[in-house]
Amino acid sequence: MQVTDINFTEVMFEVNSFPNDYVGKEIEITGFVLKDSTMTPTHFALAQYVIVCCSADASPYGLVCKYTTDYPADTWLTIRGTIQLEMQQNKNTTVVNVTTAESVPKPARPYIYPSM
């Protein structure tokens, strides 16, 4: 499944809400690397800022990814991988097991607006 600016919010909602339905499925998505202190060097979130009303409400939305390369925060990537479930912080988390990652330039419009 290819995630685009048009279907981004719908795909993220579906995959995060019903992860068992997507385990083993391939996904391709573009976003920026987002990290927090709980993540190992091989884990990062790949996210985009979603705006519902105005830029003040922009929130990162995406998926946790697992890969052998440790990318710096805010690096823009297009990744391809397989969706799996992984135990993190005592709960099953949707994780993309990344098979390929390619650095891409930051888009001119780096925000996602949900389609209504």
PDB file of N, CA and C in Angstrom:
ATOM      1  N   MET A   1       0.852  -1.169   0.000  1.00  0.00           N
ATOM      2  CA  MET A   1       0.000   0.000   0.000  1.00  0.00           C
ATOM      3  C   MET A   1       0.890   1.220   0.000  1.00  0.00           C
ATOM      4  N   GLN A   2       0.547   2.163  -0.829  1.00  0.00           N
ATOM      5  CA  GLN A   2       1.320   3.399  -0.923  1.00  0.00           C
ATOM      6  C   GLN A   2       0.548   4.510  -0.229  1.00  0.00           C
ATOM      7  N   VAL A   3       1.220   5.167   0.707  1.00  0.00           N
ATOM      8  CA  VAL A   3       0.605   6.259   1.446  1.00  0.00           C
ATOM      9  C   VAL A   3       0.982   7.563   0.756  1.00  0.00           C
ATOM     10  N   THR A   4      -0.023   8.369   0.450  1.00  0.00           N
ATOM     11  CA  THR A   4       0.173   9.645  -0.229  1.00  0.00           C
ATOM     12  C   THR A   4      -0.373  10.772   0.649  1.00  0.00           C
ATOM     13  N   ASP A   5      -0.170  12.003   0.214  1.00  0.00           N
ATOM     14  CA  ASP A   5      -0.755  13.141   0.937  1.00  0.00           C
ATOM     15  C   ASP A   5      -2.274  13.047   0.966  1.00  0.00           C
ATOM     16  N   ILE A   6      -2.865  12.462  -0.066  1.00  0.00           N
ATOM     17  CA  ILE A   6      -4.327  12.373  -0.159  1.00  0.00           C
ATOM     18  C   ILE A   6      -4.892  11.345   0.817  1.00  0.00           C
ATOM     19  N   ASN A   7      -4.248  10.179   0.948  1.00  0.00           N
ATOM     20  CA  ASN A   7      -4.807   9.121   1.798  1.00  0.00           C
ATOM     21  C   ASN A   7      -4.090   8.975   3.147  1.00  0.00           C
ATOM     22  N   PHE A   8      -3.158   9.884   3.449  1.00  0.00           N
ATOM     23  CA  PHE A   8      -2.313   9.762   4.634  1.00  0.00           C
ATOM     24  C   PHE A   8      -3.118   9.554   5.920  1.00  0.00           C
ATOM     25  N   THR A   9      -4.037  10.466   6.232  1.00  0.00           N
ATOM     26  CA  THR A   9      -4.744  10.371   7.513  1.00  0.00           C
ATOM     27  C   THR A   9      -5.629   9.135   7.584  1.00  0.00           C
ATOM     28  N   GLU A  10      -6.242   8.763   6.475  1.00  0.00           N
ATOM     29  CA  GLU A  10      -7.096   7.583   6.479  1.00  0.00           C
ATOM     30  C   GLU A  10      -6.277   6.309   6.709  1.00  0.00           C
ATOM     31  N   VAL A  11      -5.129   6.199   6.026  1.00  0.00           N
ATOM     32  CA  VAL A  11      -4.284   5.013   6.190  1.00  0.00           C
ATOM     33  C   VAL A  11      -3.726   4.958   7.613  1.00  0.00           C
ATOM     34  N   MET A  12      -3.235   6.068   8.126  1.00  0.00           N
ATOM     35  CA  MET A  12      -2.683   6.076   9.491  1.00  0.00           C
ATOM     36  C   MET A  12      -3.748   5.683  10.509  1.00  0.00           C
ATOM     37  N   PHE A  13      -4.965   6.208  10.340  1.00  0.00           N
ATOM     38  CA  PHE A  13      -6.051   5.850  11.253  1.00  0.00           C
ATOM     39  C   PHE A  13      -6.332   4.350  11.194  1.00  0.00           C
ATOM     40  N   GLU A  14      -6.465   3.815   9.991  1.00  0.00           N
ATOM     41  CA  GLU A  14      -6.776   2.389   9.817  1.00  0.00           C
ATOM     42  C   GLU A  14      -5.683   1.490  10.396  1.00  0.00           C
ATOM     43  N   VAL A  15      -4.433   1.766  10.028  1.00  0.00           N
ATOM     44  CA  VAL A  15      -3.323   0.914  10.469  1.00  0.00           C
ATOM     45  C   VAL A  15      -3.154   0.985  11.984  1.00  0.00           C
ATOM     46  N   ASN A  16      -3.289   2.174  12.554  1.00  0.00           N
ATOM     47  CA  ASN A  16      -3.135   2.306  14.000  1.00  0.00           C
ATOM     48  C   ASN A  16      -4.349   1.802  14.779  1.00  0.00           C
ATOM     49  N   SER A  17      -5.525   1.853  14.197  1.00  0.00           N
ATOM     50  CA  SER A  17      -6.736   1.402  14.881  1.00  0.00           C
ATOM     51  C   SER A  17      -6.966  -0.096  14.752  1.00  0.00           C
ATOM     52  N   PHE A  18      -6.582  -0.668  13.620  1.00  0.00           N
ATOM     53  CA  PHE A  18      -6.826  -2.089  13.351  1.00  0.00           C
ATOM     54  C   PHE A  18      -5.530  -2.782  12.901  1.00  0.00           C
ATOM     55  N   PRO A  19      -4.497  -2.746  13.747  1.00  0.00           N
ATOM     56  CA  PRO A  19      -3.181  -3.245  13.309  1.00  0.00           C
ATOM     57  C   PRO A  19      -3.180  -4.711  12.897  1.00  0.00           C
ATOM     58  N   ASN A  20      -3.981  -5.545  13.538  1.00  0.00           N
ATOM     59  CA  ASN A  20      -3.992  -6.972  13.191  1.00  0.00           C
ATOM     60  C   ASN A  20      -4.401  -7.212  11.740  1.00  0.00           C
ATOM     61  N   ASP A  21      -5.218  -6.316  11.187  1.00  0.00           N
ATOM     62  CA  ASP A  21      -5.647  -6.450   9.793  1.00  0.00           C
ATOM     63  C   ASP A  21      -4.522  -6.141   8.798  1.00  0.00           C
ATOM     64  N   TYR A  22      -3.451  -5.509   9.272  1.00  0.00           N
ATOM     65  CA  TYR A  22      -2.387  -5.066   8.373  1.00  0.00           C
ATOM     66  C   TYR A  22      -1.048  -5.772   8.595  1.00  0.00           C
ATOM     67  N   VAL A  23      -0.967  -6.634   9.600  1.00  0.00           N
ATOM     68  CA  VAL A  23       0.285  -7.365   9.851  1.00  0.00           C
ATOM     69  C   VAL A  23       0.664  -8.161   8.608  1.00  0.00           C
ATOM     70  N   GLY A  24       1.923  -8.017   8.186  1.00  0.00           N
ATOM     71  CA  GLY A  24       2.423  -8.712   7.008  1.00  0.00           C
ATOM     72  C   GLY A  24       2.234  -7.950   5.713  1.00  0.00           C
ATOM     73  N   LYS A  25       1.503  -6.846   5.731  1.00  0.00           N
ATOM     74  CA  LYS A  25       1.275  -6.047   4.518  1.00  0.00           C
ATOM     75  C   LYS A  25       2.443  -5.082   4.302  1.00  0.00           C
ATOM     76  N   GLU A  26       2.769  -4.858   3.028  1.00  0.00           N
ATOM     77  CA  GLU A  26       3.809  -3.891   2.686  1.00  0.00           C
ATOM     78  C   GLU A  26       3.221  -2.489   2.673  1.00  0.00           C
ATOM     79  N   ILE A  27       4.086  -1.520   3.050  1.00  0.00           N
ATOM     80  CA  ILE A  27       3.675  -0.128   3.063  1.00  0.00           C
ATOM     81  C   ILE A  27       4.835   0.729   2.566  1.00  0.00           C
ATOM     82  N   GLU A  28       4.500   1.792   1.857  1.00  0.00           N
ATOM     83  CA  GLU A  28       5.483   2.794   1.440  1.00  0.00           C
ATOM     84  C   GLU A  28       4.960   4.138   1.896  1.00  0.00           C
ATOM     85  N   ILE A  29       5.803   4.893   2.591  1.00  0.00           N
ATOM     86  CA  ILE A  29       5.358   6.155   3.178  1.00  0.00           C
ATOM     87  C   ILE A  29       6.524   7.137   3.239  1.00  0.00           C
ATOM     88  N   THR A  30       6.216   8.407   3.126  1.00  0.00           N
ATOM     89  CA  THR A  30       7.209   9.477   3.236  1.00  0.00           C
ATOM     90  C   THR A  30       6.885  10.321   4.446  1.00  0.00           C
ATOM     91  N   GLY A  31       7.926  10.721   5.159  1.00  0.00           N
ATOM     92  CA  GLY A  31       7.747  11.580   6.318  1.00  0.00           C
ATOM     93  C   GLY A  31       9.094  11.957   6.896  1.00  0.00           C
ATOM     94  N   PHE A  32       9.051  12.594   8.065  1.00  0.00           N
ATOM     95  CA  PHE A  32      10.295  12.989   8.716  1.00  0.00           C
ATOM     96  C   PHE A  32      10.530  12.117   9.942  1.00  0.00           C
ATOM     97  N   VAL A  33      11.795  11.945  10.277  1.00  0.00           N
ATOM     98  CA  VAL A  33      12.182  11.135  11.426  1.00  0.00           C
ATOM     99  C   VAL A  33      11.887  11.916  12.703  1.00  0.00           C
ATOM    100  N   LEU A  34      11.201  11.245  13.606  1.00  0.00           N
ATOM    101  CA  LEU A  34      10.841  11.817  14.900  1.00  0.00           C
ATOM    102  C   LEU A  34      11.274  10.812  15.953  1.00  0.00           C
ATOM    103  N   LYS A  35      11.975  11.269  16.977  1.00  0.00           N
ATOM    104  CA  LYS A  35      12.482  10.365  18.016  1.00  0.00           C
ATOM    105  C   LYS A  35      12.114  10.897  19.391  1.00  0.00           C
ATOM    106  N   ASP A  36      12.043   9.955  20.336  1.00  0.00           N
ATOM    107  CA  ASP A  36      11.925  10.360  21.725  1.00  0.00           C
ATOM    108  C   ASP A  36      12.870   9.500  22.560  1.00  0.00           C
ATOM    109  N   SER A  37      12.968   9.811  23.820  1.00  0.00           N
ATOM    110  CA  SER A  37      13.960   9.163  24.682  1.00  0.00           C
ATOM    111  C   SER A  37      13.693   7.678  24.921  1.00  0.00           C
ATOM    112  N   THR A  38      12.495   7.197  24.618  1.00  0.00           N
ATOM    113  CA  THR A  38      12.186   5.780  24.845  1.00  0.00           C
ATOM    114  C   THR A  38      12.605   4.891  23.674  1.00  0.00           C
ATOM    115  N   MET A  39      12.992   5.493  22.566  1.00  0.00           N
ATOM    116  CA  MET A  39      13.308   4.719  21.361  1.00  0.00           C
ATOM    117  C   MET A  39      14.775   4.302  21.336  1.00  0.00           C
ATOM    118  N   THR A  40      15.003   3.090  20.848  1.00  0.00           N
ATOM    119  CA  THR A  40      16.368   2.604  20.657  1.00  0.00           C
ATOM    120  C   THR A  40      16.936   3.242  19.386  1.00  0.00           C
ATOM    121  N   PRO A  41      18.251   3.137  19.150  1.00  0.00           N
ATOM    122  CA  PRO A  41      18.816   3.711  17.922  1.00  0.00           C
ATOM    123  C   PRO A  41      18.230   3.107  16.636  1.00  0.00           C
ATOM    124  N   THR A  42      17.667   1.903  16.706  1.00  0.00           N
ATOM    125  CA  THR A  42      17.104   1.278  15.503  1.00  0.00           C
ATOM    126  C   THR A  42      15.616   1.583  15.334  1.00  0.00           C
ATOM    127  N   HIS A  43      15.034   2.359  16.220  1.00  0.00           N
ATOM    128  CA  HIS A  43      13.616   2.707  16.123  1.00  0.00           C
ATOM    129  C   HIS A  43      13.446   4.221  15.984  1.00  0.00           C
ATOM    130  N   PHE A  44      12.473   4.615  15.193  1.00  0.00           N
ATOM    131  CA  PHE A  44      12.120   6.019  15.043  1.00  0.00           C
ATOM    132  C   PHE A  44      10.668   6.072  14.575  1.00  0.00           C
ATOM    133  N   ALA A  45      10.053   7.215  14.745  1.00  0.00           N
ATOM    134  CA  ALA A  45       8.732   7.424  14.161  1.00  0.00           C
ATOM    135  C   ALA A  45       8.937   8.131  12.829  1.00  0.00           C
ATOM    136  N   LEU A  46       8.164   7.743  11.839  1.00  0.00           N
ATOM    137  CA  LEU A  46       8.143   8.448  10.565  1.00  0.00           C
ATOM    138  C   LEU A  46       6.793   9.148  10.521  1.00  0.00           C
ATOM    139  N   ALA A  47       6.819  10.465  10.514  1.00  0.00           N
ATOM    140  CA  ALA A  47       5.581  11.220  10.701  1.00  0.00           C
ATOM    141  C   ALA A  47       5.484  12.378   9.717  1.00  0.00           C
ATOM    142  N   GLN A  48       4.286  12.924   9.671  1.00  0.00           N
ATOM    143  CA  GLN A  48       4.050  14.194   9.004  1.00  0.00           C
ATOM    144  C   GLN A  48       3.153  15.002   9.932  1.00  0.00           C
ATOM    145  N   TYR A  49       3.242  16.321   9.807  1.00  0.00           N
ATOM    146  CA  TYR A  49       2.354  17.165  10.603  1.00  0.00           C
ATOM    147  C   TYR A  49       1.004  17.236   9.914  1.00  0.00           C
ATOM    148  N   VAL A  50      -0.033  16.928  10.677  1.00  0.00           N
ATOM    149  CA  VAL A  50      -1.403  16.980  10.175  1.00  0.00           C
ATOM    150  C   VAL A  50      -2.077  18.220  10.765  1.00  0.00           C
ATOM    151  N   ILE A  51      -2.711  18.990   9.890  1.00  0.00           N
ATOM    152  CA  ILE A  51      -3.409  20.203  10.298  1.00  0.00           C
ATOM    153  C   ILE A  51      -4.903  20.000  10.057  1.00  0.00           C
ATOM    154  N   VAL A  52      -5.689  20.163  11.113  1.00  0.00           N
ATOM    155  CA  VAL A  52      -7.136  20.019  10.984  1.00  0.00           C
ATOM    156  C   VAL A  52      -7.788  21.385  10.771  1.00  0.00           C
ATOM    157  N   CYS A  53      -7.331  22.368  11.499  1.00  0.00           N
ATOM    158  CA  CYS A  53      -7.938  23.693  11.422  1.00  0.00           C
ATOM    159  C   CYS A  53      -6.936  24.730  10.930  1.00  0.00           C
ATOM    160  N   CYS A  54      -5.882  24.934  11.719  1.00  0.00           N
ATOM    161  CA  CYS A  54      -4.869  25.945  11.385  1.00  0.00           C
ATOM    162  C   CYS A  54      -3.501  25.449  11.840  1.00  0.00           C
ATOM    163  N   SER A  55      -2.461  26.155  11.455  1.00  0.00           N
ATOM    164  CA  SER A  55      -1.106  25.682  11.745  1.00  0.00           C
ATOM    165  C   SER A  55      -0.837  25.544  13.240  1.00  0.00           C
ATOM    166  N   ALA A  56      -1.581  26.250  14.077  1.00  0.00           N
ATOM    167  CA  ALA A  56      -1.388  26.141  15.525  1.00  0.00           C
ATOM    168  C   ALA A  56      -1.772  24.762  16.056  1.00  0.00           C
ATOM    169  N   ASP A  57      -2.606  24.024  15.332  1.00  0.00           N
ATOM    170  CA  ASP A  57      -3.012  22.692  15.806  1.00  0.00           C
ATOM    171  C   ASP A  57      -2.255  21.556  15.112  1.00  0.00           C
ATOM    172  N   ALA A  58      -1.180  21.867  14.391  1.00  0.00           N
ATOM    173  CA  ALA A  58      -0.406  20.837  13.691  1.00  0.00           C
ATOM    174  C   ALA A  58       0.143  19.820  14.688  1.00  0.00           C
ATOM    175  N   SER A  59      -0.103  18.541  14.413  1.00  0.00           N
ATOM    176  CA  SER A  59       0.362  17.466  15.283  1.00  0.00           C
ATOM    177  C   SER A  59       1.030  16.389  14.448  1.00  0.00           C
ATOM    178  N   PRO A  60       2.140  15.812  14.939  1.00  0.00           N
ATOM    179  CA  PRO A  60       2.782  14.730  14.185  1.00  0.00           C
ATOM    180  C   PRO A  60       1.931  13.472  14.248  1.00  0.00           C
ATOM    181  N   TYR A  61       1.845  12.795  13.125  1.00  0.00           N
ATOM    182  CA  TYR A  61       1.043  11.577  13.010  1.00  0.00           C
ATOM    183  C   TYR A  61       1.804  10.642  12.093  1.00  0.00           C
ATOM    184  N   GLY A  62       1.967   9.394  12.506  1.00  0.00           N
ATOM    185  CA  GLY A  62       2.710   8.464  11.671  1.00  0.00           C
ATOM    186  C   GLY A  62       2.833   7.094  12.299  1.00  0.00           C
ATOM    187  N   LEU A  63       3.943   6.428  11.990  1.00  0.00           N
ATOM    188  CA  LEU A  63       4.164   5.051  12.432  1.00  0.00           C
ATOM    189  C   LEU A  63       5.572   4.884  12.994  1.00  0.00           C
ATOM    190  N   VAL A  64       5.696   3.988  13.945  1.00  0.00           N
ATOM    191  CA  VAL A  64       7.008   3.618  14.452  1.00  0.00           C
ATOM    192  C   VAL A  64       7.669   2.725  13.405  1.00  0.00           C
ATOM    193  N   CYS A  65       8.959   2.940  13.183  1.00  0.00           N
ATOM    194  CA  CYS A  65       9.719   2.167  12.201  1.00  0.00           C
ATOM    195  C   CYS A  65      10.936   1.546  12.868  1.00  0.00           C
ATOM    196  N   LYS A  66      11.354   0.423  12.330  1.00  0.00           N
ATOM    197  CA  LYS A  66      12.546  -0.276  12.818  1.00  0.00           C
ATOM    198  C   LYS A  66      13.465  -0.489  11.620  1.00  0.00           C
ATOM    199  N   TYR A  67      14.739  -0.027  11.774  1.00  0.00           N
ATOM    200  CA  TYR A  67      15.689  -0.120  10.666  1.00  0.00           C
ATOM    201  C   TYR A  67      17.097  -0.175  11.233  1.00  0.00           C
ATOM    202  N   THR A  68      18.015  -0.649  10.434  1.00  0.00           N
ATOM    203  CA  THR A  68      19.393  -0.815  10.889  1.00  0.00           C
ATOM    204  C   THR A  68      20.171   0.494  10.929  1.00  0.00           C
ATOM    205  N   THR A  69      19.719   1.514  10.218  1.00  0.00           N
ATOM    206  CA  THR A  69      20.414   2.802  10.173  1.00  0.00           C
ATOM    207  C   THR A  69      19.756   3.765  11.147  1.00  0.00           C
ATOM    208  N   ASP A  70      20.579   4.481  11.889  1.00  0.00           N
ATOM    209  CA  ASP A  70      20.098   5.480  12.850  1.00  0.00           C
ATOM    210  C   ASP A  70      20.083   6.845  12.166  1.00  0.00           C
ATOM    211  N   TYR A  71      18.913   7.290  11.731  1.00  0.00           N
ATOM    212  CA  TYR A  71      18.787   8.582  11.054  1.00  0.00           C
ATOM    213  C   TYR A  71      18.596   9.697  12.075  1.00  0.00           C
ATOM    214  N   PRO A  72      19.170  10.861  11.811  1.00  0.00           N
ATOM    215  CA  PRO A  72      18.951  12.001  12.707  1.00  0.00           C
ATOM    216  C   PRO A  72      17.502  12.483  12.632  1.00  0.00           C
ATOM    217  N   ALA A  73      17.036  13.063  13.731  1.00  0.00           N
ATOM    218  CA  ALA A  73      15.691  13.640  13.769  1.00  0.00           C
ATOM    219  C   ALA A  73      15.545  14.674  12.657  1.00  0.00           C
ATOM    220  N   ASP A  74      14.350  14.775  12.130  1.00  0.00           N
ATOM    221  CA  ASP A  74      13.961  15.727  11.082  1.00  0.00           C
ATOM    222  C   ASP A  74      14.473  15.365   9.692  1.00  0.00           C
ATOM    223  N   THR A  75      15.120  14.204   9.532  1.00  0.00           N
ATOM    224  CA  THR A  75      15.516  13.732   8.207  1.00  0.00           C
ATOM    225  C   THR A  75      14.265  13.274   7.479  1.00  0.00           C
ATOM    226  N   TRP A  76      14.072  13.709   6.250  1.00  0.00           N
ATOM    227  CA  TRP A  76      12.928  13.269   5.452  1.00  0.00           C
ATOM    228  C   TRP A  76      13.315  12.005   4.700  1.00  0.00           C
ATOM    229  N   LEU A  77      12.448  10.988   4.785  1.00  0.00           N
ATOM    230  CA  LEU A  77      12.691   9.689   4.167  1.00  0.00           C
ATOM    231  C   LEU A  77      11.449   9.197   3.453  1.00  0.00           C
ATOM    232  N   THR A  78      11.664   8.387   2.446  1.00  0.00           N
ATOM    233  CA  THR A  78      10.617   7.518   1.914  1.00  0.00           C
ATOM    234  C   THR A  78      11.058   6.113   2.285  1.00  0.00           C
ATOM    235  N   ILE A  79      10.206   5.413   3.021  1.00  0.00           N
ATOM    236  CA  ILE A  79      10.549   4.054   3.458  1.00  0.00           C
ATOM    237  C   ILE A  79       9.570   3.062   2.855  1.00  0.00           C
ATOM    238  N   ARG A  80      10.042   1.834   2.739  1.00  0.00           N
ATOM    239  CA  ARG A  80       9.200   0.723   2.321  1.00  0.00           C
ATOM    240  C   ARG A  80       9.481  -0.397   3.312  1.00  0.00           C
ATOM    241  N   GLY A  81       8.433  -1.053   3.766  1.00  0.00           N
ATOM    242  CA  GLY A  81       8.627  -2.123   4.734  1.00  0.00           C
ATOM    243  C   GLY A  81       7.353  -2.904   4.965  1.00  0.00           C
ATOM    244  N   THR A  82       7.415  -3.776   5.949  1.00  0.00           N
ATOM    245  CA  THR A  82       6.303  -4.658   6.290  1.00  0.00           C
ATOM    246  C   THR A  82       5.786  -4.302   7.673  1.00  0.00           C
ATOM    247  N   ILE A  83       4.478  -4.231   7.795  1.00  0.00           N
ATOM    248  CA  ILE A  83       3.843  -3.905   9.071  1.00  0.00           C
ATOM    249  C   ILE A  83       3.867  -5.139   9.970  1.00  0.00           C
ATOM    250  N   GLN A  84       4.233  -4.903  11.222  1.00  0.00           N
ATOM    251  CA  GLN A  84       4.242  -5.973  12.213  1.00  0.00           C
ATOM    252  C   GLN A  84       3.815  -5.404  13.558  1.00  0.00           C
ATOM    253  N   LEU A  85       3.608  -6.290  14.516  1.00  0.00           N
ATOM    254  CA  LEU A  85       3.337  -5.859  15.882  1.00  0.00           C
ATOM    255  C   LEU A  85       4.555  -6.195  16.718  1.00  0.00           C
ATOM    256  N   GLU A  86       4.913  -5.287  17.617  1.00  0.00           N
ATOM    257  CA  GLU A  86       6.078  -5.460  18.476  1.00  0.00           C
ATOM    258  C   GLU A  86       5.728  -4.972  19.877  1.00  0.00           C
ATOM    259  N   MET A  87       6.156  -5.719  20.881  1.00  0.00           N
ATOM    260  CA  MET A  87       5.906  -5.311  22.262  1.00  0.00           C
ATOM    261  C   MET A  87       6.833  -4.156  22.626  1.00  0.00           C
ATOM    262  N   GLN A  88       6.240  -3.022  22.974  1.00  0.00           N
ATOM    263  CA  GLN A  88       6.996  -1.848  23.414  1.00  0.00           C
ATOM    264  C   GLN A  88       6.289  -1.244  24.607  1.00  0.00           C
ATOM    265  N   GLN A  89       7.029  -1.020  25.665  1.00  0.00           N
ATOM    266  CA  GLN A  89       6.476  -0.436  26.883  1.00  0.00           C
ATOM    267  C   GLN A  89       5.232  -1.194  27.339  1.00  0.00           C
ATOM    268  N   ASN A  90       5.334  -2.514  27.303  1.00  0.00           N
ATOM    269  CA  ASN A  90       4.277  -3.424  27.779  1.00  0.00           C
ATOM    270  C   ASN A  90       2.977  -3.371  26.983  1.00  0.00           C
ATOM    271  N   LYS A  91       3.047  -2.959  25.729  1.00  0.00           N
ATOM    272  CA  LYS A  91       1.849  -3.006  24.886  1.00  0.00           C
ATOM    273  C   LYS A  91       2.258  -3.302  23.446  1.00  0.00           C
ATOM    274  N   ASN A  92       1.373  -3.938  22.713  1.00  0.00           N
ATOM    275  CA  ASN A  92       1.616  -4.204  21.300  1.00  0.00           C
ATOM    276  C   ASN A  92       1.556  -2.895  20.526  1.00  0.00           C
ATOM    277  N   THR A  93       2.588  -2.654  19.736  1.00  0.00           N
ATOM    278  CA  THR A  93       2.686  -1.421  18.959  1.00  0.00           C
ATOM    279  C   THR A  93       2.846  -1.780  17.492  1.00  0.00           C
ATOM    280  N   THR A  94       2.177  -1.036  16.635  1.00  0.00           N
ATOM    281  CA  THR A  94       2.342  -1.204  15.196  1.00  0.00           C
ATOM    282  C   THR A  94       3.706  -0.663  14.816  1.00  0.00           C
ATOM    283  N   VAL A  95       4.509  -1.494  14.132  1.00  0.00           N
ATOM    284  CA  VAL A  95       5.862  -1.124  13.737  1.00  0.00           C
ATOM    285  C   VAL A  95       6.066  -1.525  12.284  1.00  0.00           C
ATOM    286  N   VAL A  96       6.716  -0.653  11.516  1.00  0.00           N
ATOM    287  CA  VAL A  96       7.098  -0.997  10.148  1.00  0.00           C
ATOM    288  C   VAL A  96       8.531  -1.513  10.187  1.00  0.00           C
ATOM    289  N   ASN A  97       8.707  -2.765   9.778  1.00  0.00           N
ATOM    290  CA  ASN A  97      10.035  -3.336   9.647  1.00  0.00           C
ATOM    291  C   ASN A  97      10.565  -2.873   8.289  1.00  0.00           C
ATOM    292  N   VAL A  98      11.398  -1.842   8.296  1.00  0.00           N
ATOM    293  CA  VAL A  98      11.836  -1.166   7.074  1.00  0.00           C
ATOM    294  C   VAL A  98      12.813  -2.041   6.295  1.00  0.00           C
ATOM    295  N   THR A  99      12.540  -2.187   5.004  1.00  0.00           N
ATOM    296  CA  THR A  99      13.458  -2.920   4.116  1.00  0.00           C
ATOM    297  C   THR A  99      14.295  -1.964   3.278  1.00  0.00           C
ATOM    298  N   THR A 100      13.739  -0.804   2.911  1.00  0.00           N
ATOM    299  CA  THR A 100      14.502   0.216   2.196  1.00  0.00           C
ATOM    300  C   THR A 100      14.117   1.591   2.730  1.00  0.00           C
ATOM    301  N   ALA A 101      15.110   2.472   2.769  1.00  0.00           N
ATOM    302  CA  ALA A 101      14.885   3.861   3.178  1.00  0.00           C
ATOM    303  C   ALA A 101      15.733   4.752   2.286  1.00  0.00           C
ATOM    304  N   GLU A 102      15.109   5.806   1.796  1.00  0.00           N
ATOM    305  CA  GLU A 102      15.798   6.737   0.909  1.00  0.00           C
ATOM    306  C   GLU A 102      15.582   8.152   1.419  1.00  0.00           C
ATOM    307  N   SER A 103      16.670   8.893   1.608  1.00  0.00           N
ATOM    308  CA  SER A 103      16.550  10.302   1.993  1.00  0.00           C
ATOM    309  C   SER A 103      15.918  11.082   0.846  1.00  0.00           C
ATOM    310  N   VAL A 104      14.984  11.943   1.190  1.00  0.00           N
ATOM    311  CA  VAL A 104      14.313  12.779   0.197  1.00  0.00           C
ATOM    312  C   VAL A 104      14.304  14.216   0.698  1.00  0.00           C
ATOM    313  N   PRO A 105      14.191  15.182  -0.210  1.00  0.00           N
ATOM    314  CA  PRO A 105      14.131  16.575   0.236  1.00  0.00           C
ATOM    315  C   PRO A 105      12.817  16.860   0.970  1.00  0.00           C
ATOM    316  N   LYS A 106      12.885  17.797   1.883  1.00  0.00           N
ATOM    317  CA  LYS A 106      11.674  18.242   2.576  1.00  0.00           C
ATOM    318  C   LYS A 106      10.729  18.831   1.535  1.00  0.00           C
ATOM    319  N   PRO A 107       9.460  18.416   1.556  1.00  0.00           N
ATOM    320  CA  PRO A 107       8.522  18.945   0.556  1.00  0.00           C
ATOM    321  C   PRO A 107       8.268  20.441   0.734  1.00  0.00           C
ATOM    322  N   ALA A 108       7.900  21.077  -0.345  1.00  0.00           N
ATOM    323  CA  ALA A 108       7.576  22.510  -0.293  1.00  0.00           C
ATOM    324  C   ALA A 108       6.396  22.752   0.648  1.00  0.00           C
ATOM    325  N   ARG A 109       5.440  21.812   0.659  1.00  0.00           N
ATOM    326  CA  ARG A 109       4.286  21.877   1.583  1.00  0.00           C
ATOM    327  C   ARG A 109       4.390  20.676   2.516  1.00  0.00           C
ATOM    328  N   PRO A 110       5.042  20.845   3.685  1.00  0.00           N
ATOM    329  CA  PRO A 110       5.287  19.694   4.562  1.00  0.00           C
ATOM    330  C   PRO A 110       4.128  19.338   5.490  1.00  0.00           C
ATOM    331  N   TYR A 111       2.932  19.820   5.206  1.00  0.00           N
ATOM    332  CA  TYR A 111       1.787  19.546   6.068  1.00  0.00           C
ATOM    333  C   TYR A 111       0.732  18.732   5.332  1.00  0.00           C
ATOM    334  N   ILE A 112       0.014  17.945   6.102  1.00  0.00           N
ATOM    335  CA  ILE A 112      -1.086  17.150   5.572  1.00  0.00           C
ATOM    336  C   ILE A 112      -2.403  17.759   6.061  1.00  0.00           C
ATOM    337  N   TYR A 113      -3.341  17.903   5.153  1.00  0.00           N
ATOM    338  CA  TYR A 113      -4.683  18.375   5.483  1.00  0.00           C
ATOM    339  C   TYR A 113      -5.619  17.203   5.231  1.00  0.00           C
ATOM    340  N   PRO A 114      -6.307  16.712   6.272  1.00  0.00           N
ATOM    341  CA  PRO A 114      -7.194  15.555   6.059  1.00  0.00           C
ATOM    342  C   PRO A 114      -8.243  15.854   5.014  1.00  0.00           C
ATOM    343  N   SER A 115      -8.496  14.847   4.164  1.00  0.00           N
ATOM    344  CA  SER A 115      -9.567  15.005   3.197  1.00  0.00           C
ATOM    345  C   SER A 115     -10.879  14.710   3.893  1.00  0.00           C
ATOM    346  N   MET A 116     -11.857  15.489   3.582  1.00  0.00           N
ATOM    347  CA  MET A 116     -13.153  15.360   4.269  1.00  0.00           C
ATOM    348  C   MET A 116     -14.133  14.597   3.424  1.00  0.00           C
TER     349      MET A 116
END
